[in-house]
Amino acid sequence: MFARLSTYQGAPVPAGAQPSQNAVQILEQIRKVPGFQGLYLLVDPSTGKSMSLTLWEDEQAMGASETEGTRIREESAKREGERIVSVERFEVGFQHLES
């Protein structure tokens, strides 16, 4: 499994706001891309920093998703008033998720 970690910087999130709304819109788009395995959105509401972590079946699938991923990332950042700080790619060395 492979992962792409995108870091964003925006304004702090006001109390009571729903930072997960953007993730739902991203998920609707990215889940159609072959090899997609999962999405996490990490948000620090007090600083406005956020990260999206997408998981991919293999390195080939992640590579094939680059064009669509870039489009979705740029649209999402624009919609949310964020700037893209970095995009990094990793091989998942270990995973565990409790149900």
PDB file of N, CA and C in Angstrom:
ATOM      1  N   MET A   1       0.855  -1.172   0.000  1.00  0.00           N
ATOM      2  CA  MET A   1       0.000   0.000   0.000  1.00  0.00           C
ATOM      3  C   MET A   1       0.903   1.238   0.000  1.00  0.00           C
ATOM      4  N   PHE A   2       0.424   2.284  -0.671  1.00  0.00           N
ATOM      5  CA  PHE A   2       1.157   3.543  -0.758  1.00  0.00           C
ATOM      6  C   PHE A   2       0.254   4.687  -0.318  1.00  0.00           C
ATOM      7  N   ALA A   3       0.872   5.793   0.100  1.00  0.00           N
ATOM      8  CA  ALA A   3       0.114   6.925   0.636  1.00  0.00           C
ATOM      9  C   ALA A   3       0.661   8.238   0.086  1.00  0.00           C
ATOM     10  N   ARG A   4      -0.271   9.172  -0.152  1.00  0.00           N
ATOM     11  CA  ARG A   4       0.111  10.534  -0.527  1.00  0.00           C
ATOM     12  C   ARG A   4      -0.401  11.454   0.571  1.00  0.00           C
ATOM     13  N   LEU A   5       0.509  12.247   1.128  1.00  0.00           N
ATOM     14  CA  LEU A   5       0.186  13.155   2.220  1.00  0.00           C
ATOM     15  C   LEU A   5       0.297  14.592   1.716  1.00  0.00           C
ATOM     16  N   SER A   6      -0.830  15.290   1.695  1.00  0.00           N
ATOM     17  CA  SER A   6      -0.865  16.682   1.249  1.00  0.00           C
ATOM     18  C   SER A   6      -1.107  17.569   2.460  1.00  0.00           C
ATOM     19  N   THR A   7      -0.287  18.612   2.604  1.00  0.00           N
ATOM     20  CA  THR A   7      -0.401  19.536   3.731  1.00  0.00           C
ATOM     21  C   THR A   7      -0.892  20.886   3.217  1.00  0.00           C
ATOM     22  N   TYR A   8      -1.842  21.465   3.952  1.00  0.00           N
ATOM     23  CA  TYR A   8      -2.470  22.731   3.583  1.00  0.00           C
ATOM     24  C   TYR A   8      -2.377  23.705   4.751  1.00  0.00           C
ATOM     25  N   GLN A   9      -2.425  24.992   4.428  1.00  0.00           N
ATOM     26  CA  GLN A   9      -2.510  26.015   5.470  1.00  0.00           C
ATOM     27  C   GLN A   9      -3.621  26.973   5.090  1.00  0.00           C
ATOM     28  N   GLY A  10      -4.532  27.152   6.043  1.00  0.00           N
ATOM     29  CA  GLY A  10      -5.634  28.080   5.861  1.00  0.00           C
ATOM     30  C   GLY A  10      -5.839  28.870   7.133  1.00  0.00           C
ATOM     31  N   ALA A  11      -6.977  29.501   7.222  1.00  0.00           N
ATOM     32  CA  ALA A  11      -7.323  30.265   8.419  1.00  0.00           C
ATOM     33  C   ALA A  11      -7.818  29.322   9.505  1.00  0.00           C
ATOM     34  N   PRO A  12      -7.698  29.703  10.764  1.00  0.00           N
ATOM     35  CA  PRO A  12      -8.284  28.884  11.833  1.00  0.00           C
ATOM     36  C   PRO A  12      -9.769  28.626  11.572  1.00  0.00           C
ATOM     37  N   VAL A  13     -10.230  27.473  12.007  1.00  0.00           N
ATOM     38  CA  VAL A  13     -11.624  27.069  11.794  1.00  0.00           C
ATOM     39  C   VAL A  13     -12.471  27.601  12.952  1.00  0.00           C
ATOM     40  N   PRO A  14     -13.519  28.366  12.658  1.00  0.00           N
ATOM     41  CA  PRO A  14     -14.371  28.895  13.726  1.00  0.00           C
ATOM     42  C   PRO A  14     -15.040  27.774  14.521  1.00  0.00           C
ATOM     43  N   ALA A  15     -15.273  28.018  15.787  1.00  0.00           N
ATOM     44  CA  ALA A  15     -15.955  27.037  16.646  1.00  0.00           C
ATOM     45  C   ALA A  15     -17.301  26.683  16.023  1.00  0.00           C
ATOM     46  N   GLY A  16     -17.625  25.409  16.016  1.00  0.00           N
ATOM     47  CA  GLY A  16     -18.900  24.948  15.487  1.00  0.00           C
ATOM     48  C   GLY A  16     -18.899  24.671  13.999  1.00  0.00           C
ATOM     49  N   ALA A  17     -17.817  25.027  13.290  1.00  0.00           N
ATOM     50  CA  ALA A  17     -17.739  24.768  11.848  1.00  0.00           C
ATOM     51  C   ALA A  17     -17.508  23.277  11.616  1.00  0.00           C
ATOM     52  N   GLN A  18     -17.814  22.815  10.421  1.00  0.00           N
ATOM     53  CA  GLN A  18     -17.669  21.405  10.074  1.00  0.00           C
ATOM     54  C   GLN A  18     -16.482  21.208   9.135  1.00  0.00           C
ATOM     55  N   PRO A  19     -15.295  20.971   9.670  1.00  0.00           N
ATOM     56  CA  PRO A  19     -14.135  20.790   8.792  1.00  0.00           C
ATOM     57  C   PRO A  19     -14.229  19.537   7.933  1.00  0.00           C
ATOM     58  N   SER A  20     -15.135  18.618   8.266  1.00  0.00           N
ATOM     59  CA  SER A  20     -15.240  17.376   7.508  1.00  0.00           C
ATOM     60  C   SER A  20     -16.014  17.535   6.207  1.00  0.00           C
ATOM     61  N   GLN A  21     -16.705  18.652   5.990  1.00  0.00           N
ATOM     62  CA  GLN A  21     -17.484  18.836   4.760  1.00  0.00           C
ATOM     63  C   GLN A  21     -16.594  18.760   3.528  1.00  0.00           C
ATOM     64  N   ASN A  22     -15.413  19.354   3.603  1.00  0.00           N
ATOM     65  CA  ASN A  22     -14.481  19.293   2.487  1.00  0.00           C
ATOM     66  C   ASN A  22     -14.075  17.852   2.202  1.00  0.00           C
ATOM     67  N   ALA A  23     -13.875  17.056   3.227  1.00  0.00           N
ATOM     68  CA  ALA A  23     -13.473  15.660   3.049  1.00  0.00           C
ATOM     69  C   ALA A  23     -14.537  14.875   2.298  1.00  0.00           C
ATOM     70  N   VAL A  24     -15.809  15.145   2.558  1.00  0.00           N
ATOM     71  CA  VAL A  24     -16.894  14.446   1.870  1.00  0.00           C
ATOM     72  C   VAL A  24     -16.845  14.756   0.372  1.00  0.00           C
ATOM     73  N   GLN A  25     -16.616  15.999   0.023  1.00  0.00           N
ATOM     74  CA  GLN A  25     -16.524  16.381  -1.389  1.00  0.00           C
ATOM     75  C   GLN A  25     -15.303  15.745  -2.054  1.00  0.00           C
ATOM     76  N   ILE A  26     -14.177  15.704  -1.341  1.00  0.00           N
ATOM     77  CA  ILE A  26     -12.972  15.068  -1.873  1.00  0.00           C
ATOM     78  C   ILE A  26     -13.231  13.580  -2.090  1.00  0.00           C
ATOM     79  N   LEU A  27     -13.829  12.935  -1.090  1.00  0.00           N
ATOM     80  CA  LEU A  27     -14.091  11.499  -1.174  1.00  0.00           C
ATOM     81  C   LEU A  27     -14.970  11.158  -2.364  1.00  0.00           C
ATOM     82  N   GLU A  28     -16.001  11.948  -2.617  1.00  0.00           N
ATOM     83  CA  GLU A  28     -16.893  11.692  -3.752  1.00  0.00           C
ATOM     84  C   GLU A  28     -16.127  11.674  -5.073  1.00  0.00           C
ATOM     85  N   GLN A  29     -15.096  12.502  -5.176  1.00  0.00           N
ATOM     86  CA  GLN A  29     -14.310  12.572  -6.407  1.00  0.00           C
ATOM     87  C   GLN A  29     -13.230  11.498  -6.479  1.00  0.00           C
ATOM     88  N   ILE A  30     -12.488  11.322  -5.400  1.00  0.00           N
ATOM     89  CA  ILE A  30     -11.298  10.471  -5.433  1.00  0.00           C
ATOM     90  C   ILE A  30     -11.630   8.973  -5.390  1.00  0.00           C
ATOM     91  N   ARG A  31     -12.781   8.624  -4.841  1.00  0.00           N
ATOM     92  CA  ARG A  31     -13.099   7.190  -4.727  1.00  0.00           C
ATOM     93  C   ARG A  31     -13.329   6.552  -6.084  1.00  0.00           C
ATOM     94  N   LYS A  32     -13.517   7.332  -7.131  1.00  0.00           N
ATOM     95  CA  LYS A  32     -13.713   6.816  -8.485  1.00  0.00           C
ATOM     96  C   LYS A  32     -12.387   6.463  -9.167  1.00  0.00           C
ATOM     97  N   VAL A  33     -11.273   6.881  -8.586  1.00  0.00           N
ATOM     98  CA  VAL A  33      -9.963   6.654  -9.192  1.00  0.00           C
ATOM     99  C   VAL A  33      -9.513   5.221  -8.899  1.00  0.00           C
ATOM    100  N   PRO A  34      -9.143   4.456  -9.943  1.00  0.00           N
ATOM    101  CA  PRO A  34      -8.712   3.070  -9.732  1.00  0.00           C
ATOM    102  C   PRO A  34      -7.563   2.957  -8.732  1.00  0.00           C
ATOM    103  N   GLY A  35      -7.657   1.988  -7.840  1.00  0.00           N
ATOM    104  CA  GLY A  35      -6.614   1.730  -6.855  1.00  0.00           C
ATOM    105  C   GLY A  35      -6.768   2.482  -5.557  1.00  0.00           C
ATOM    106  N   PHE A  36      -7.769   3.368  -5.465  1.00  0.00           N
ATOM    107  CA  PHE A  36      -8.001   4.133  -4.236  1.00  0.00           C
ATOM    108  C   PHE A  36      -8.402   3.188  -3.113  1.00  0.00           C
ATOM    109  N   GLN A  37      -7.808   3.388  -1.919  1.00  0.00           N
ATOM    110  CA  GLN A  37      -8.074   2.518  -0.773  1.00  0.00           C
ATOM    111  C   GLN A  37      -8.625   3.238   0.446  1.00  0.00           C
ATOM    112  N   GLY A  38      -8.399   4.553   0.572  1.00  0.00           N
ATOM    113  CA  GLY A  38      -8.895   5.242   1.752  1.00  0.00           C
ATOM    114  C   GLY A  38      -8.452   6.688   1.808  1.00  0.00           C
ATOM    115  N   LEU A  39      -9.090   7.438   2.719  1.00  0.00           N
ATOM    116  CA  LEU A  39      -8.814   8.862   2.889  1.00  0.00           C
ATOM    117  C   LEU A  39      -8.933   9.228   4.360  1.00  0.00           C
ATOM    118  N   TYR A  40      -7.973   9.987   4.843  1.00  0.00           N
ATOM    119  CA  TYR A  40      -8.033  10.601   6.170  1.00  0.00           C
ATOM    120  C   TYR A  40      -7.841  12.101   5.974  1.00  0.00           C
ATOM    121  N   LEU A  41      -8.600  12.895   6.717  1.00  0.00           N
ATOM    122  CA  LEU A  41      -8.401  14.338   6.752  1.00  0.00           C
ATOM    123  C   LEU A  41      -8.071  14.700   8.188  1.00  0.00           C
ATOM    124  N   LEU A  42      -6.911  15.296   8.397  1.00  0.00           N
ATOM    125  CA  LEU A  42      -6.449  15.700   9.717  1.00  0.00           C
ATOM    126  C   LEU A  42      -6.508  17.219   9.782  1.00  0.00           C
ATOM    127  N   VAL A  43      -7.109  17.757  10.830  1.00  0.00           N
ATOM    128  CA  VAL A  43      -7.327  19.205  10.917  1.00  0.00           C
ATOM    129  C   VAL A  43      -6.928  19.708  12.304  1.00  0.00           C
ATOM    130  N   ASP A  44      -6.171  20.792  12.321  1.00  0.00           N
ATOM    131  CA  ASP A  44      -5.919  21.521  13.560  1.00  0.00           C
ATOM    132  C   ASP A  44      -6.723  22.812  13.459  1.00  0.00           C
ATOM    133  N   PRO A  45      -7.936  22.837  14.012  1.00  0.00           N
ATOM    134  CA  PRO A  45      -8.808  23.999  13.864  1.00  0.00           C
ATOM    135  C   PRO A  45      -8.203  25.290  14.413  1.00  0.00           C
ATOM    136  N   SER A  46      -7.365  25.186  15.430  1.00  0.00           N
ATOM    137  CA  SER A  46      -6.818  26.395  16.053  1.00  0.00           C
ATOM    138  C   SER A  46      -5.785  27.099  15.174  1.00  0.00           C
ATOM    139  N   THR A  47      -5.096  26.348  14.292  1.00  0.00           N
ATOM    140  CA  THR A  47      -4.078  26.950  13.437  1.00  0.00           C
ATOM    141  C   THR A  47      -4.482  27.038  11.967  1.00  0.00           C
ATOM    142  N   GLY A  48      -5.491  26.261  11.569  1.00  0.00           N
ATOM    143  CA  GLY A  48      -5.893  26.217  10.172  1.00  0.00           C
ATOM    144  C   GLY A  48      -5.055  25.270   9.336  1.00  0.00           C
ATOM    145  N   LYS A  49      -4.147  24.541   9.964  1.00  0.00           N
ATOM    146  CA  LYS A  49      -3.336  23.563   9.242  1.00  0.00           C
ATOM    147  C   LYS A  49      -4.156  22.289   9.069  1.00  0.00           C
ATOM    148  N   SER A  50      -4.071  21.694   7.876  1.00  0.00           N
ATOM    149  CA  SER A  50      -4.747  20.422   7.647  1.00  0.00           C
ATOM    150  C   SER A  50      -3.895  19.548   6.739  1.00  0.00           C
ATOM    151  N   MET A  51      -4.173  18.256   6.782  1.00  0.00           N
ATOM    152  CA  MET A  51      -3.473  17.284   5.946  1.00  0.00           C
ATOM    153  C   MET A  51      -4.490  16.287   5.425  1.00  0.00           C
ATOM    154  N   SER A  52      -4.329  15.913   4.173  1.00  0.00           N
ATOM    155  CA  SER A  52      -5.131  14.817   3.642  1.00  0.00           C
ATOM    156  C   SER A  52      -4.184  13.672   3.325  1.00  0.00           C
ATOM    157  N   LEU A  53      -4.577  12.491   3.737  1.00  0.00           N
ATOM    158  CA  LEU A  53      -3.788  11.287   3.494  1.00  0.00           C
ATOM    159  C   LEU A  53      -4.642  10.356   2.648  1.00  0.00           C
ATOM    160  N   THR A  54      -4.212  10.112   1.416  1.00  0.00           N
ATOM    161  CA  THR A  54      -4.920   9.159   0.575  1.00  0.00           C
ATOM    162  C   THR A  54      -4.104   7.881   0.503  1.00  0.00           C
ATOM    163  N   LEU A  55      -4.784   6.762   0.514  1.00  0.00           N
ATOM    164  CA  LEU A  55      -4.145   5.448   0.479  1.00  0.00           C
ATOM    165  C   LEU A  55      -4.439   4.781  -0.852  1.00  0.00           C
ATOM    166  N   TRP A  56      -3.397   4.119  -1.390  1.00  0.00           N
ATOM    167  CA  TRP A  56      -3.472   3.527  -2.719  1.00  0.00           C
ATOM    168  C   TRP A  56      -3.036   2.073  -2.690  1.00  0.00           C
ATOM    169  N   GLU A  57      -3.666   1.278  -3.521  1.00  0.00           N
ATOM    170  CA  GLU A  57      -3.426  -0.161  -3.600  1.00  0.00           C
ATOM    171  C   GLU A  57      -1.947  -0.482  -3.810  1.00  0.00           C
ATOM    172  N   ASP A  58      -1.313   0.249  -4.707  1.00  0.00           N
ATOM    173  CA  ASP A  58       0.106   0.029  -4.989  1.00  0.00           C
ATOM    174  C   ASP A  58       0.712   1.302  -5.581  1.00  0.00           C
ATOM    175  N   GLU A  59       2.007   1.266  -5.797  1.00  0.00           N
ATOM    176  CA  GLU A  59       2.711   2.447  -6.296  1.00  0.00           C
ATOM    177  C   GLU A  59       2.218   2.854  -7.686  1.00  0.00           C
ATOM    178  N   GLN A  60       1.885   1.872  -8.508  1.00  0.00           N
ATOM    179  CA  GLN A  60       1.385   2.151  -9.852  1.00  0.00           C
ATOM    180  C   GLN A  60       0.063   2.921  -9.797  1.00  0.00           C
ATOM    181  N   ALA A  61      -0.845   2.488  -8.926  1.00  0.00           N
ATOM    182  CA  ALA A  61      -2.143   3.170  -8.793  1.00  0.00           C
ATOM    183  C   ALA A  61      -1.950   4.596  -8.298  1.00  0.00           C
ATOM    184  N   MET A  62      -1.051   4.776  -7.328  1.00  0.00           N
ATOM    185  CA  MET A  62      -0.795   6.123  -6.818  1.00  0.00           C
ATOM    186  C   MET A  62      -0.232   7.001  -7.933  1.00  0.00           C
ATOM    187  N   GLY A  63       0.699   6.478  -8.694  1.00  0.00           N
ATOM    188  CA  GLY A  63       1.272   7.237  -9.797  1.00  0.00           C
ATOM    189  C   GLY A  63       0.236   7.598 -10.850  1.00  0.00           C
ATOM    190  N   ALA A  64      -0.648   6.660 -11.161  1.00  0.00           N
ATOM    191  CA  ALA A  64      -1.681   6.897 -12.160  1.00  0.00           C
ATOM    192  C   ALA A  64      -2.706   7.923 -11.687  1.00  0.00           C
ATOM    193  N   SER A  65      -2.802   8.128 -10.378  1.00  0.00           N
ATOM    194  CA  SER A  65      -3.786   9.067  -9.819  1.00  0.00           C
ATOM    195  C   SER A  65      -3.262  10.493  -9.725  1.00  0.00           C
ATOM    196  N   GLU A  66      -2.009  10.735 -10.093  1.00  0.00           N
ATOM    197  CA  GLU A  66      -1.386  12.041  -9.879  1.00  0.00           C
ATOM    198  C   GLU A  66      -2.140  13.196 -10.539  1.00  0.00           C
ATOM    199  N   THR A  67      -2.521  13.040 -11.788  1.00  0.00           N
ATOM    200  CA  THR A  67      -3.202  14.133 -12.493  1.00  0.00           C
ATOM    201  C   THR A  67      -4.523  14.461 -11.830  1.00  0.00           C
ATOM    202  N   GLU A  68      -5.320  13.443 -11.563  1.00  0.00           N
ATOM    203  CA  GLU A  68      -6.618  13.659 -10.914  1.00  0.00           C
ATOM    204  C   GLU A  68      -6.423  14.171  -9.490  1.00  0.00           C
ATOM    205  N   GLY A  69      -5.435  13.627  -8.779  1.00  0.00           N
ATOM    206  CA  GLY A  69      -5.152  14.080  -7.421  1.00  0.00           C
ATOM    207  C   GLY A  69      -4.759  15.548  -7.373  1.00  0.00           C
ATOM    208  N   THR A  70      -3.961  15.977  -8.328  1.00  0.00           N
ATOM    209  CA  THR A  70      -3.553  17.384  -8.382  1.00  0.00           C
ATOM    210  C   THR A  70      -4.762  18.278  -8.618  1.00  0.00           C
ATOM    211  N   ARG A  71      -5.625  17.880  -9.543  1.00  0.00           N
ATOM    212  CA  ARG A  71      -6.825  18.668  -9.833  1.00  0.00           C
ATOM    213  C   ARG A  71      -7.710  18.782  -8.595  1.00  0.00           C
ATOM    214  N   ILE A  72      -7.957  17.671  -7.930  1.00  0.00           N
ATOM    215  CA  ILE A  72      -8.813  17.670  -6.742  1.00  0.00           C
ATOM    216  C   ILE A  72      -8.178  18.496  -5.628  1.00  0.00           C
ATOM    217  N   ARG A  73      -6.878  18.340  -5.425  1.00  0.00           N
ATOM    218  CA  ARG A  73      -6.147  19.075  -4.380  1.00  0.00           C
ATOM    219  C   ARG A  73      -6.246  20.583  -4.612  1.00  0.00           C
ATOM    220  N   GLU A  74      -6.010  21.009  -5.850  1.00  0.00           N
ATOM    221  CA  GLU A  74      -6.046  22.442  -6.155  1.00  0.00           C
ATOM    222  C   GLU A  74      -7.453  23.011  -6.021  1.00  0.00           C
ATOM    223  N   GLU A  75      -8.469  22.278  -6.493  1.00  0.00           N
ATOM    224  CA  GLU A  75      -9.856  22.738  -6.350  1.00  0.00           C
ATOM    225  C   GLU A  75     -10.267  22.828  -4.887  1.00  0.00           C
ATOM    226  N   SER A  76      -9.871  21.832  -4.114  1.00  0.00           N
ATOM    227  CA  SER A  76     -10.211  21.800  -2.694  1.00  0.00           C
ATOM    228  C   SER A  76      -9.560  22.966  -1.953  1.00  0.00           C
ATOM    229  N   ALA A  77      -8.275  23.196  -2.218  1.00  0.00           N
ATOM    230  CA  ALA A  77      -7.568  24.291  -1.554  1.00  0.00           C
ATOM    231  C   ALA A  77      -8.204  25.635  -1.915  1.00  0.00           C
ATOM    232  N   LYS A  78      -8.552  25.812  -3.170  1.00  0.00           N
ATOM    233  CA  LYS A  78      -9.181  27.064  -3.598  1.00  0.00           C
ATOM    234  C   LYS A  78     -10.533  27.247  -2.914  1.00  0.00           C
ATOM    235  N   ARG A  79     -11.331  26.180  -2.893  1.00  0.00           N
ATOM    236  CA  ARG A  79     -12.665  26.224  -2.279  1.00  0.00           C
ATOM    237  C   ARG A  79     -12.577  26.569  -0.791  1.00  0.00           C
ATOM    238  N   GLU A  80     -11.562  26.072  -0.118  1.00  0.00           N
ATOM    239  CA  GLU A  80     -11.418  26.264   1.320  1.00  0.00           C
ATOM    240  C   GLU A  80     -10.569  27.487   1.685  1.00  0.00           C
ATOM    241  N   GLY A  81     -10.040  28.187   0.690  1.00  0.00           N
ATOM    242  CA  GLY A  81      -9.184  29.340   0.967  1.00  0.00           C
ATOM    243  C   GLY A  81      -7.861  28.932   1.593  1.00  0.00           C
ATOM    244  N   GLU A  82      -7.321  27.809   1.164  1.00  0.00           N
ATOM    245  CA  GLU A  82      -6.060  27.295   1.701  1.00  0.00           C
ATOM    246  C   GLU A  82      -4.971  27.370   0.636  1.00  0.00           C
ATOM    247  N   ARG A  83      -3.734  27.269   1.097  1.00  0.00           N
ATOM    248  CA  ARG A  83      -2.631  27.107   0.151  1.00  0.00           C
ATOM    249  C   ARG A  83      -2.031  25.722   0.383  1.00  0.00           C
ATOM    250  N   ILE A  84      -1.557  25.123  -0.667  1.00  0.00           N
ATOM    251  CA  ILE A  84      -0.916  23.809  -0.581  1.00  0.00           C
ATOM    252  C   ILE A  84       0.527  24.028  -0.150  1.00  0.00           C
ATOM    253  N   VAL A  85       0.885  23.451   0.983  1.00  0.00           N
ATOM    254  CA  VAL A  85       2.230  23.608   1.534  1.00  0.00           C
ATOM    255  C   VAL A  85       3.171  22.553   0.963  1.00  0.00           C
ATOM    256  N   SER A  86       2.700  21.299   0.909  1.00  0.00           N
ATOM    257  CA  SER A  86       3.551  20.221   0.409  1.00  0.00           C
ATOM    258  C   SER A  86       2.712  19.020   0.005  1.00  0.00           C
ATOM    259  N   VAL A  87       3.308  18.186  -0.834  1.00  0.00           N
ATOM    260  CA  VAL A  87       2.723  16.907  -1.230  1.00  0.00           C
ATOM    261  C   VAL A  87       3.856  15.891  -1.166  1.00  0.00           C
ATOM    262  N   GLU A  88       3.670  14.857  -0.340  1.00  0.00           N
ATOM    263  CA  GLU A  88       4.701  13.841  -0.160  1.00  0.00           C
ATOM    264  C   GLU A  88       4.109  12.469  -0.440  1.00  0.00           C
ATOM    265  N   ARG A  89       4.965  11.548  -0.842  1.00  0.00           N
ATOM    266  CA  ARG A  89       4.529  10.195  -1.164  1.00  0.00           C
ATOM    267  C   ARG A  89       5.328   9.194  -0.334  1.00  0.00           C
ATOM    268  N   PHE A  90       4.627   8.162   0.145  1.00  0.00           N
ATOM    269  CA  PHE A  90       5.250   7.177   1.031  1.00  0.00           C
ATOM    270  C   PHE A  90       4.768   5.773   0.698  1.00  0.00           C
ATOM    271  N   GLU A  91       5.591   4.807   1.027  1.00  0.00           N
ATOM    272  CA  GLU A  91       5.128   3.427   1.069  1.00  0.00           C
ATOM    273  C   GLU A  91       4.682   3.184   2.502  1.00  0.00           C
ATOM    274  N   VAL A  92       3.538   2.555   2.676  1.00  0.00           N
ATOM    275  CA  VAL A  92       3.028   2.265   4.024  1.00  0.00           C
ATOM    276  C   VAL A  92       3.834   1.084   4.561  1.00  0.00           C
ATOM    277  N   GLY A  93       4.583   1.320   5.628  1.00  0.00           N
ATOM    278  CA  GLY A  93       5.425   0.287   6.213  1.00  0.00           C
ATOM    279  C   GLY A  93       4.668  -0.600   7.192  1.00  0.00           C
ATOM    280  N   PHE A  94       3.620  -0.072   7.785  1.00  0.00           N
ATOM    281  CA  PHE A  94       2.831  -0.817   8.764  1.00  0.00           C
ATOM    282  C   PHE A  94       1.486  -0.128   8.891  1.00  0.00           C
ATOM    283  N   GLN A  95       0.459  -0.906   9.134  1.00  0.00           N
ATOM    284  CA  GLN A  95      -0.863  -0.316   9.374  1.00  0.00           C
ATOM    285  C   GLN A  95      -1.614  -1.139  10.386  1.00  0.00           C
ATOM    286  N   HIS A  96      -2.424  -0.464  11.160  1.00  0.00           N
ATOM    287  CA  HIS A  96      -3.306  -1.117  12.127  1.00  0.00           C
ATOM    288  C   HIS A  96      -4.422  -0.131  12.448  1.00  0.00           C
ATOM    289  N   LEU A  97      -5.634  -0.576  12.389  1.00  0.00           N
ATOM    290  CA  LEU A  97      -6.774   0.256  12.698  1.00  0.00           C
ATOM    291  C   LEU A  97      -7.757  -0.563  13.515  1.00  0.00           C
ATOM    292  N   GLU A  98      -8.046  -0.112  14.713  1.00  0.00           N
ATOM    293  CA  GLU A  98      -9.033  -0.772  15.563  1.00  0.00           C
ATOM    294  C   GLU A  98     -10.423  -0.488  15.040  1.00  0.00           C
ATOM    295  N   SER A  99     -11.285  -1.443  15.108  1.00  0.00           N
ATOM    296  CA  SER A  99     -12.685  -1.222  14.688  1.00  0.00           C
ATOM    297  C   SER A  99     -13.494  -0.612  15.787  1.00  0.00           C
TER     298      SER A  99
END
